[in-house]
């Protein structure tokens, strides 16, 4: 065994009928500056051109499967069980990493070997790739009592943490990533914030109705994890108000798109840090 070789880091992409966006995700993984990567793709039985894209890159993919699953978190769990790396990243089809993401995580892990979850900043993008704003996580994780305040696409989780605290609870269809994060915070898993942009997330996955369902699941997770009824009611009210603010933000963004040049919008987005 070469003790000087950097450790194996696993990256999992979950996909289903994503032929229009998967290639960008794959390229962001295989073009990382850090090279000792195990890349796993878990496809839910796509019927479009997704499998053709996977096959196109099969020489650069460590392993992949295509079969029906019970939802996105079931697919994530399949990937985790397949993973052999000491750290595991999760980047879904349509989202993508920055070129040095894995290298930055590896460097942070060398200095902080006991950390369970590494995470960082994320770009919030329109479906066409235009920047909406840069999102910086709250490093005071007591904020989880009011919903998700860190960004799951930036997570690199120790394999040992999954083994110790469990995988994603498939009872949750939209917010199992929140439940996983909350469980680890409450069990004293150490989180480490990397002050860098690690991932890009495209808006467009959840409708307003689905956002309300996600809020319901956050509330369900808080109750499951022992939060009081009064605290949960406050969180529910807070998240509903936040959803309305977000709806207004996207409305104004769509208006500005019609009246302002693209480069002006991008400069405005870069100035919004949270």
C-alpha atoms as a PDB file:
ATOM      1  CA  UNK A   1       0.000   0.000   0.000  1.00  0.00           C
ATOM      2  CA  UNK A   2       1.299   3.471  -0.959  1.00  0.00           C
ATOM      3  CA  UNK A   3       1.023   5.511   2.246  1.00  0.00           C
ATOM      4  CA  UNK A   4       1.839   8.711   0.310  1.00  0.00           C
ATOM      5  CA  UNK A   5      -1.137   8.315  -2.022  1.00  0.00           C
ATOM      6  CA  UNK A   6      -4.025  10.684  -1.226  1.00  0.00           C
ATOM      7  CA  UNK A   7      -7.065   8.895   0.225  1.00  0.00           C
ATOM      8  CA  UNK A   8      -9.923   7.674  -1.915  1.00  0.00           C
ATOM      9  CA  UNK A   9     -12.862  10.096  -1.910  1.00  0.00           C
ATOM     10  CA  UNK A  10     -16.227   8.880  -3.215  1.00  0.00           C
ATOM     11  CA  UNK A  11     -18.688  11.041  -5.120  1.00  0.00           C
ATOM     12  CA  UNK A  12     -22.247   9.930  -5.810  1.00  0.00           C
ATOM     13  CA  UNK A  13     -24.583  11.316  -8.460  1.00  0.00           C
ATOM     14  CA  UNK A  14     -28.254  10.364  -8.309  1.00  0.00           C
ATOM     15  CA  UNK A  15     -30.113  10.790 -11.572  1.00  0.00           C
ATOM     16  CA  UNK A  16     -33.400  10.041 -13.324  1.00  0.00           C
ATOM     17  CA  UNK A  17     -34.329  11.149 -16.843  1.00  0.00           C
ATOM     18  CA  UNK A  18     -31.712  13.898 -16.718  1.00  0.00           C
ATOM     19  CA  UNK A  19     -30.180  13.747 -20.196  1.00  0.00           C
ATOM     20  CA  UNK A  20     -30.213  17.549 -20.576  1.00  0.00           C
ATOM     21  CA  UNK A  21     -28.209  18.253 -17.402  1.00  0.00           C
ATOM     22  CA  UNK A  22     -26.234  15.132 -16.442  1.00  0.00           C
ATOM     23  CA  UNK A  23     -23.208  15.714 -18.660  1.00  0.00           C
ATOM     24  CA  UNK A  24     -22.271  18.962 -16.922  1.00  0.00           C
ATOM     25  CA  UNK A  25     -22.458  17.199 -13.555  1.00  0.00           C
ATOM     26  CA  UNK A  26     -20.256  14.321 -14.752  1.00  0.00           C
ATOM     27  CA  UNK A  27     -17.679  16.671 -16.252  1.00  0.00           C
ATOM     28  CA  UNK A  28     -17.462  18.637 -13.005  1.00  0.00           C
ATOM     29  CA  UNK A  29     -16.505  15.422 -11.203  1.00  0.00           C
ATOM     30  CA  UNK A  30     -14.097  13.850 -13.696  1.00  0.00           C
ATOM     31  CA  UNK A  31     -12.270  17.182 -14.212  1.00  0.00           C
ATOM     32  CA  UNK A  32     -11.508  17.738 -10.528  1.00  0.00           C
ATOM     33  CA  UNK A  33      -7.932  18.741  -9.712  1.00  0.00           C
ATOM     34  CA  UNK A  34      -7.954  15.969  -7.076  1.00  0.00           C
ATOM     35  CA  UNK A  35      -7.688  12.666  -8.911  1.00  0.00           C
ATOM     36  CA  UNK A  36      -8.148   9.793  -6.431  1.00  0.00           C
ATOM     37  CA  UNK A  37     -11.939   9.779  -6.814  1.00  0.00           C
ATOM     38  CA  UNK A  38     -14.372   6.910  -6.859  1.00  0.00           C
ATOM     39  CA  UNK A  39     -17.303   8.123  -8.969  1.00  0.00           C
ATOM     40  CA  UNK A  40     -20.631   6.326  -8.556  1.00  0.00           C
ATOM     41  CA  UNK A  41     -23.809   7.052 -10.524  1.00  0.00           C
ATOM     42  CA  UNK A  42     -27.151   5.722  -9.304  1.00  0.00           C
ATOM     43  CA  UNK A  43     -29.845   5.991 -11.969  1.00  0.00           C
ATOM     44  CA  UNK A  44     -33.493   5.339 -11.204  1.00  0.00           C
ATOM     45  CA  UNK A  45     -34.283   3.498 -14.439  1.00  0.00           C
ATOM     46  CA  UNK A  46     -34.207   6.401 -16.891  1.00  0.00           C
ATOM     47  CA  UNK A  47     -36.085   6.084 -20.185  1.00  0.00           C
ATOM     48  CA  UNK A  48     -34.599   9.127 -21.977  1.00  0.00           C
ATOM     49  CA  UNK A  49     -30.980   9.494 -23.124  1.00  0.00           C
ATOM     50  CA  UNK A  50     -29.479   9.440 -19.631  1.00  0.00           C
ATOM     51  CA  UNK A  51     -27.990   5.960 -19.953  1.00  0.00           C
ATOM     52  CA  UNK A  52     -26.302   6.872 -23.232  1.00  0.00           C
ATOM     53  CA  UNK A  53     -24.551   9.754 -21.455  1.00  0.00           C
ATOM     54  CA  UNK A  54     -23.447   7.461 -18.622  1.00  0.00           C
ATOM     55  CA  UNK A  55     -22.097   4.931 -21.120  1.00  0.00           C
ATOM     56  CA  UNK A  56     -20.253   7.710 -22.975  1.00  0.00           C
ATOM     57  CA  UNK A  57     -18.251   8.375 -19.785  1.00  0.00           C
ATOM     58  CA  UNK A  58     -18.151   4.818 -18.418  1.00  0.00           C
ATOM     59  CA  UNK A  59     -14.335   4.632 -18.552  1.00  0.00           C
ATOM     60  CA  UNK A  60     -14.232   7.532 -16.065  1.00  0.00           C
ATOM     61  CA  UNK A  61     -17.036   6.243 -13.842  1.00  0.00           C
ATOM     62  CA  UNK A  62     -16.037   3.739 -11.160  1.00  0.00           C
ATOM     63  CA  UNK A  63     -19.439   2.046 -11.000  1.00  0.00           C
ATOM     64  CA  UNK A  64     -23.041   2.702 -11.932  1.00  0.00           C
ATOM     65  CA  UNK A  65     -26.428   1.068 -11.685  1.00  0.00           C
ATOM     66  CA  UNK A  66     -29.781   1.721 -13.329  1.00  0.00           C
ATOM     67  CA  UNK A  67     -32.843   0.334 -11.593  1.00  0.00           C
ATOM     68  CA  UNK A  68     -36.086   1.512 -10.055  1.00  0.00           C
ATOM     69  CA  UNK A  69     -35.821   3.005  -6.596  1.00  0.00           C
ATOM     70  CA  UNK A  70     -38.126   4.328  -3.894  1.00  0.00           C
ATOM     71  CA  UNK A  71     -37.124   7.945  -4.374  1.00  0.00           C
ATOM     72  CA  UNK A  72     -34.053  10.144  -4.360  1.00  0.00           C
ATOM     73  CA  UNK A  73     -32.961   9.274  -0.816  1.00  0.00           C
ATOM     74  CA  UNK A  74     -33.267   5.546  -1.442  1.00  0.00           C
ATOM     75  CA  UNK A  75     -30.960   6.081  -4.435  1.00  0.00           C
ATOM     76  CA  UNK A  76     -28.520   8.067  -2.286  1.00  0.00           C
ATOM     77  CA  UNK A  77     -28.462   5.248   0.265  1.00  0.00           C
ATOM     78  CA  UNK A  78     -27.670   2.741  -2.490  1.00  0.00           C
ATOM     79  CA  UNK A  79     -24.714   4.866  -3.531  1.00  0.00           C
ATOM     80  CA  UNK A  80     -23.432   5.192   0.028  1.00  0.00           C
ATOM     81  CA  UNK A  81     -23.534   1.414   0.475  1.00  0.00           C
ATOM     82  CA  UNK A  82     -21.475   1.051  -2.712  1.00  0.00           C
ATOM     83  CA  UNK A  83     -18.904   3.694  -1.719  1.00  0.00           C
ATOM     84  CA  UNK A  84     -15.418   2.722  -0.558  1.00  0.00           C
ATOM     85  CA  UNK A  85     -13.979   6.197   0.068  1.00  0.00           C
ATOM     86  CA  UNK A  86     -13.232   7.645   3.483  1.00  0.00           C
ATOM     87  CA  UNK A  87     -15.246  10.766   2.553  1.00  0.00           C
ATOM     88  CA  UNK A  88     -18.417  10.802   0.458  1.00  0.00           C
ATOM     89  CA  UNK A  89     -19.750  13.733  -1.570  1.00  0.00           C
ATOM     90  CA  UNK A  90     -23.247  13.862  -3.061  1.00  0.00           C
ATOM     91  CA  UNK A  91     -23.863  15.926  -6.216  1.00  0.00           C
ATOM     92  CA  UNK A  92     -27.152  15.279  -8.008  1.00  0.00           C
ATOM     93  CA  UNK A  93     -27.713  15.493 -11.757  1.00  0.00           C
ATOM     94  CA  UNK A  94     -28.054  19.137 -12.783  1.00  0.00           C
ATOM     95  CA  UNK A  95     -25.821  20.453 -10.015  1.00  0.00           C
ATOM     96  CA  UNK A  96     -22.046  20.636 -10.327  1.00  0.00           C
ATOM     97  CA  UNK A  97     -18.831  21.170  -8.379  1.00  0.00           C
ATOM     98  CA  UNK A  98     -16.212  23.884  -8.707  1.00  0.00           C
ATOM     99  CA  UNK A  99     -12.965  22.552 -10.246  1.00  0.00           C
ATOM    100  CA  UNK A 100     -11.011  22.444  -6.957  1.00  0.00           C
ATOM    101  CA  UNK A 101     -13.842  21.339  -4.673  1.00  0.00           C
ATOM    102  CA  UNK A 102     -12.499  17.890  -3.792  1.00  0.00           C
ATOM    103  CA  UNK A 103      -8.948  19.208  -3.403  1.00  0.00           C
ATOM    104  CA  UNK A 104     -10.179  21.847  -0.942  1.00  0.00           C
ATOM    105  CA  UNK A 105     -12.078  19.221   1.038  1.00  0.00           C
ATOM    106  CA  UNK A 106      -9.043  16.922   1.097  1.00  0.00           C
ATOM    107  CA  UNK A 107      -6.798  19.744   2.350  1.00  0.00           C
ATOM    108  CA  UNK A 108      -9.313  20.596   5.080  1.00  0.00           C
ATOM    109  CA  UNK A 109      -9.548  16.937   6.101  1.00  0.00           C
ATOM    110  CA  UNK A 110      -5.756  16.691   6.490  1.00  0.00           C
ATOM    111  CA  UNK A 111      -5.850  19.515   9.025  1.00  0.00           C
ATOM    112  CA  UNK A 112      -9.083  18.307  10.673  1.00  0.00           C
ATOM    113  CA  UNK A 113      -9.036  14.491  10.626  1.00  0.00           C
ATOM    114  CA  UNK A 114     -11.750  14.094  13.273  1.00  0.00           C
ATOM    115  CA  UNK A 115     -14.365  16.177  11.445  1.00  0.00           C
ATOM    116  CA  UNK A 116     -17.463  14.261  10.365  1.00  0.00           C
ATOM    117  CA  UNK A 117     -18.979  16.631   7.794  1.00  0.00           C
ATOM    118  CA  UNK A 118     -17.267  19.260   5.630  1.00  0.00           C
ATOM    119  CA  UNK A 119     -19.355  21.911   3.859  1.00  0.00           C
ATOM    120  CA  UNK A 120     -19.072  25.318   2.226  1.00  0.00           C
ATOM    121  CA  UNK A 121     -20.630  28.037   0.085  1.00  0.00           C
ATOM    122  CA  UNK A 122     -22.890  27.409  -2.872  1.00  0.00           C
ATOM    123  CA  UNK A 123     -23.943  29.309  -5.988  1.00  0.00           C
ATOM    124  CA  UNK A 124     -27.696  29.500  -6.496  1.00  0.00           C
ATOM    125  CA  UNK A 125     -28.304  29.409 -10.242  1.00  0.00           C
ATOM    126  CA  UNK A 126     -31.148  29.759 -12.691  1.00  0.00           C
ATOM    127  CA  UNK A 127     -31.788  26.744 -14.891  1.00  0.00           C
ATOM    128  CA  UNK A 128     -29.853  28.477 -17.702  1.00  0.00           C
ATOM    129  CA  UNK A 129     -26.817  28.805 -15.406  1.00  0.00           C
ATOM    130  CA  UNK A 130     -27.144  32.505 -14.577  1.00  0.00           C
ATOM    131  CA  UNK A 131     -26.204  33.385 -11.001  1.00  0.00           C
ATOM    132  CA  UNK A 132     -29.030  34.359  -8.670  1.00  0.00           C
ATOM    133  CA  UNK A 133     -26.906  34.737  -5.556  1.00  0.00           C
ATOM    134  CA  UNK A 134     -24.045  33.255  -3.548  1.00  0.00           C
ATOM    135  CA  UNK A 135     -25.260  31.427  -0.450  1.00  0.00           C
ATOM    136  CA  UNK A 136     -23.092  31.302   2.677  1.00  0.00           C
ATOM    137  CA  UNK A 137     -24.106  28.801   5.362  1.00  0.00           C
ATOM    138  CA  UNK A 138     -24.740  29.690   8.973  1.00  0.00           C
ATOM    139  CA  UNK A 139     -21.903  28.195  11.008  1.00  0.00           C
ATOM    140  CA  UNK A 140     -23.980  28.300  14.192  1.00  0.00           C
ATOM    141  CA  UNK A 141     -25.859  25.081  13.613  1.00  0.00           C
ATOM    142  CA  UNK A 142     -28.441  25.812  16.287  1.00  0.00           C
ATOM    143  CA  UNK A 143     -30.050  27.539  13.262  1.00  0.00           C
ATOM    144  CA  UNK A 144     -31.284  24.069  12.253  1.00  0.00           C
ATOM    145  CA  UNK A 145     -34.151  24.571  14.697  1.00  0.00           C
ATOM    146  CA  UNK A 146     -35.531  26.916  12.002  1.00  0.00           C
ATOM    147  CA  UNK A 147     -34.903  24.696   8.993  1.00  0.00           C
ATOM    148  CA  UNK A 148     -31.985  23.958   6.681  1.00  0.00           C
ATOM    149  CA  UNK A 149     -29.273  26.603   7.006  1.00  0.00           C
ATOM    150  CA  UNK A 150     -26.366  24.709   5.419  1.00  0.00           C
ATOM    151  CA  UNK A 151     -26.146  23.390   1.870  1.00  0.00           C
ATOM    152  CA  UNK A 152     -26.319  19.671   1.257  1.00  0.00           C
ATOM    153  CA  UNK A 153     -24.731  19.699  -2.256  1.00  0.00           C
ATOM    154  CA  UNK A 154     -21.523  20.958  -0.601  1.00  0.00           C
ATOM    155  CA  UNK A 155     -21.434  18.152   1.995  1.00  0.00           C
ATOM    156  CA  UNK A 156     -18.569  15.666   2.188  1.00  0.00           C
ATOM    157  CA  UNK A 157     -19.432  13.175   4.913  1.00  0.00           C
ATOM    158  CA  UNK A 158     -17.122  10.710   6.589  1.00  0.00           C
ATOM    159  CA  UNK A 159     -18.072   7.133   5.750  1.00  0.00           C
ATOM    160  CA  UNK A 160     -17.770   6.445   9.489  1.00  0.00           C
ATOM    161  CA  UNK A 161     -20.522   8.991  10.207  1.00  0.00           C
ATOM    162  CA  UNK A 162     -22.964   7.193   7.927  1.00  0.00           C
ATOM    163  CA  UNK A 163     -22.067   3.934   9.681  1.00  0.00           C
ATOM    164  CA  UNK A 164     -22.464   5.501  13.130  1.00  0.00           C
ATOM    165  CA  UNK A 165     -25.542   7.714  12.698  1.00  0.00           C
ATOM    166  CA  UNK A 166     -27.362   6.057   9.820  1.00  0.00           C
ATOM    167  CA  UNK A 167     -28.233   6.886   6.229  1.00  0.00           C
ATOM    168  CA  UNK A 168     -31.089   9.027   4.862  1.00  0.00           C
ATOM    169  CA  UNK A 169     -34.524   8.294   6.302  1.00  0.00           C
ATOM    170  CA  UNK A 170     -36.631   7.333   3.291  1.00  0.00           C
ATOM    171  CA  UNK A 171     -39.817   8.175   5.168  1.00  0.00           C
ATOM    172  CA  UNK A 172     -38.969  11.721   4.084  1.00  0.00           C
ATOM    173  CA  UNK A 173     -39.443  12.353   0.360  1.00  0.00           C
ATOM    174  CA  UNK A 174     -38.150  15.941   0.149  1.00  0.00           C
ATOM    175  CA  UNK A 175     -36.343  16.843   3.388  1.00  0.00           C
ATOM    176  CA  UNK A 176     -34.366  13.725   4.367  1.00  0.00           C
ATOM    177  CA  UNK A 177     -31.174  15.762   3.893  1.00  0.00           C
ATOM    178  CA  UNK A 178     -32.434  18.160   6.568  1.00  0.00           C
ATOM    179  CA  UNK A 179     -33.310  15.249   8.860  1.00  0.00           C
ATOM    180  CA  UNK A 180     -29.844  13.724   8.313  1.00  0.00           C
ATOM    181  CA  UNK A 181     -28.158  17.061   9.095  1.00  0.00           C
ATOM    182  CA  UNK A 182     -30.278  17.635  12.192  1.00  0.00           C
ATOM    183  CA  UNK A 183     -29.632  14.119  13.520  1.00  0.00           C
ATOM    184  CA  UNK A 184     -25.900  14.610  13.149  1.00  0.00           C
ATOM    185  CA  UNK A 185     -25.958  18.030  14.794  1.00  0.00           C
ATOM    186  CA  UNK A 186     -27.892  16.638  17.765  1.00  0.00           C
ATOM    187  CA  UNK A 187     -25.528  13.658  18.039  1.00  0.00           C
ATOM    188  CA  UNK A 188     -22.557  16.071  18.257  1.00  0.00           C
ATOM    189  CA  UNK A 189     -21.039  15.227  14.881  1.00  0.00           C
ATOM    190  CA  UNK A 190     -18.357  17.802  14.123  1.00  0.00           C
ATOM    191  CA  UNK A 191     -19.043  20.072  11.131  1.00  0.00           C
ATOM    192  CA  UNK A 192     -16.286  22.065   9.442  1.00  0.00           C
ATOM    193  CA  UNK A 193     -17.014  25.079   7.256  1.00  0.00           C
ATOM    194  CA  UNK A 194     -14.704  25.607   4.267  1.00  0.00           C
ATOM    195  CA  UNK A 195     -14.822  29.292   3.333  1.00  0.00           C
ATOM    196  CA  UNK A 196     -14.934  28.609  -0.413  1.00  0.00           C
ATOM    197  CA  UNK A 197     -17.493  28.047  -3.158  1.00  0.00           C
ATOM    198  CA  UNK A 198     -17.834  24.275  -3.434  1.00  0.00           C
ATOM    199  CA  UNK A 199     -20.952  23.624  -5.507  1.00  0.00           C
ATOM    200  CA  UNK A 200     -23.542  25.080  -7.856  1.00  0.00           C
ATOM    201  CA  UNK A 201     -27.246  24.398  -7.379  1.00  0.00           C
ATOM    202  CA  UNK A 202     -29.868  25.078 -10.033  1.00  0.00           C
ATOM    203  CA  UNK A 203     -33.249  26.325  -8.863  1.00  0.00           C
ATOM    204  CA  UNK A 204     -36.287  24.758 -10.454  1.00  0.00           C
ATOM    205  CA  UNK A 205     -36.656  21.445  -8.708  1.00  0.00           C
ATOM    206  CA  UNK A 206     -39.475  22.279  -6.280  1.00  0.00           C
ATOM    207  CA  UNK A 207     -42.778  24.036  -6.949  1.00  0.00           C
ATOM    208  CA  UNK A 208     -44.471  26.224  -4.347  1.00  0.00           C
ATOM    209  CA  UNK A 209     -46.702  23.263  -3.402  1.00  0.00           C
ATOM    210  CA  UNK A 210     -43.613  21.073  -2.944  1.00  0.00           C
ATOM    211  CA  UNK A 211     -42.001  23.794  -0.828  1.00  0.00           C
ATOM    212  CA  UNK A 212     -44.979  23.600   1.516  1.00  0.00           C
ATOM    213  CA  UNK A 213     -44.584  19.810   1.633  1.00  0.00           C
ATOM    214  CA  UNK A 214     -40.884  20.290   2.423  1.00  0.00           C
ATOM    215  CA  UNK A 215     -41.808  22.593   5.320  1.00  0.00           C
ATOM    216  CA  UNK A 216     -44.196  19.916   6.596  1.00  0.00           C
ATOM    217  CA  UNK A 217     -41.346  17.387   6.495  1.00  0.00           C
ATOM    218  CA  UNK A 218     -38.998  19.746   8.344  1.00  0.00           C
ATOM    219  CA  UNK A 219     -41.633  20.087  11.055  1.00  0.00           C
ATOM    220  CA  UNK A 220     -42.041  16.299  11.154  1.00  0.00           C
ATOM    221  CA  UNK A 221     -38.271  15.865  11.539  1.00  0.00           C
ATOM    222  CA  UNK A 222     -38.075  18.411  14.357  1.00  0.00           C
ATOM    223  CA  UNK A 223     -40.836  16.579  16.252  1.00  0.00           C
ATOM    224  CA  UNK A 224     -39.150  13.212  15.599  1.00  0.00           C
ATOM    225  CA  UNK A 225     -35.885  14.586  16.972  1.00  0.00           C
ATOM    226  CA  UNK A 226     -37.376  15.868  20.219  1.00  0.00           C
ATOM    227  CA  UNK A 227     -38.140  19.564  19.667  1.00  0.00           C
ATOM    228  CA  UNK A 228     -41.036  20.978  21.683  1.00  0.00           C
ATOM    229  CA  UNK A 229     -44.417  21.674  20.127  1.00  0.00           C
ATOM    230  CA  UNK A 230     -44.086  25.426  20.762  1.00  0.00           C
ATOM    231  CA  UNK A 231     -40.649  25.550  19.077  1.00  0.00           C
ATOM    232  CA  UNK A 232     -41.977  23.583  16.119  1.00  0.00           C
ATOM    233  CA  UNK A 233     -44.935  25.941  15.709  1.00  0.00           C
ATOM    234  CA  UNK A 234     -42.550  28.927  15.673  1.00  0.00           C
ATOM    235  CA  UNK A 235     -40.411  27.212  13.039  1.00  0.00           C
ATOM    236  CA  UNK A 236     -43.431  26.419  10.882  1.00  0.00           C
ATOM    237  CA  UNK A 237     -44.501  30.066  10.974  1.00  0.00           C
ATOM    238  CA  UNK A 238     -40.936  31.247  10.242  1.00  0.00           C
ATOM    239  CA  UNK A 239     -40.550  28.909   7.245  1.00  0.00           C
ATOM    240  CA  UNK A 240     -43.904  29.891   5.751  1.00  0.00           C
ATOM    241  CA  UNK A 241     -42.882  33.561   5.938  1.00  0.00           C
ATOM    242  CA  UNK A 242     -39.481  32.699   4.453  1.00  0.00           C
ATOM    243  CA  UNK A 243     -41.173  30.888   1.574  1.00  0.00           C
ATOM    244  CA  UNK A 244     -43.237  33.998   0.821  1.00  0.00           C
ATOM    245  CA  UNK A 245     -40.062  36.142   0.858  1.00  0.00           C
ATOM    246  CA  UNK A 246     -38.391  33.735  -1.553  1.00  0.00           C
ATOM    247  CA  UNK A 247     -41.396  33.816  -3.873  1.00  0.00           C
ATOM    248  CA  UNK A 248     -41.176  37.634  -3.917  1.00  0.00           C
ATOM    249  CA  UNK A 249     -37.426  37.498  -4.545  1.00  0.00           C
ATOM    250  CA  UNK A 250     -37.860  35.242  -7.572  1.00  0.00           C
ATOM    251  CA  UNK A 251     -40.707  37.431  -8.837  1.00  0.00           C
ATOM    252  CA  UNK A 252     -38.506  40.544  -8.683  1.00  0.00           C
ATOM    253  CA  UNK A 253     -35.644  38.621 -10.252  1.00  0.00           C
ATOM    254  CA  UNK A 254     -37.862  37.672 -13.205  1.00  0.00           C
ATOM    255  CA  UNK A 255     -38.917  41.329 -13.591  1.00  0.00           C
ATOM    256  CA  UNK A 256     -35.315  42.591 -13.466  1.00  0.00           C
ATOM    257  CA  UNK A 257     -34.367  40.027 -16.128  1.00  0.00           C
ATOM    258  CA  UNK A 258     -36.731  41.725 -18.542  1.00  0.00           C
ATOM    259  CA  UNK A 259     -35.475  45.274 -17.998  1.00  0.00           C
ATOM    260  CA  UNK A 260     -31.772  45.004 -17.065  1.00  0.00           C
ATOM    261  CA  UNK A 261     -28.788  43.801 -19.126  1.00  0.00           C
ATOM    262  CA  UNK A 262     -27.520  40.313 -18.217  1.00  0.00           C
ATOM    263  CA  UNK A 263     -24.115  41.563 -16.980  1.00  0.00           C
ATOM    264  CA  UNK A 264     -25.816  43.995 -14.579  1.00  0.00           C
ATOM    265  CA  UNK A 265     -27.929  41.180 -13.123  1.00  0.00           C
ATOM    266  CA  UNK A 266     -24.818  39.037 -12.642  1.00  0.00           C
ATOM    267  CA  UNK A 267     -22.991  41.824 -10.801  1.00  0.00           C
ATOM    268  CA  UNK A 268     -26.031  42.332  -8.576  1.00  0.00           C
ATOM    269  CA  UNK A 269     -26.139  38.588  -7.848  1.00  0.00           C
ATOM    270  CA  UNK A 270     -22.442  38.497  -6.951  1.00  0.00           C
ATOM    271  CA  UNK A 271     -23.008  41.246  -4.384  1.00  0.00           C
ATOM    272  CA  UNK A 272     -25.672  39.172  -2.586  1.00  0.00           C
ATOM    273  CA  UNK A 273     -23.762  36.903  -0.216  1.00  0.00           C
ATOM    274  CA  UNK A 274     -26.533  35.266   1.778  1.00  0.00           C
END
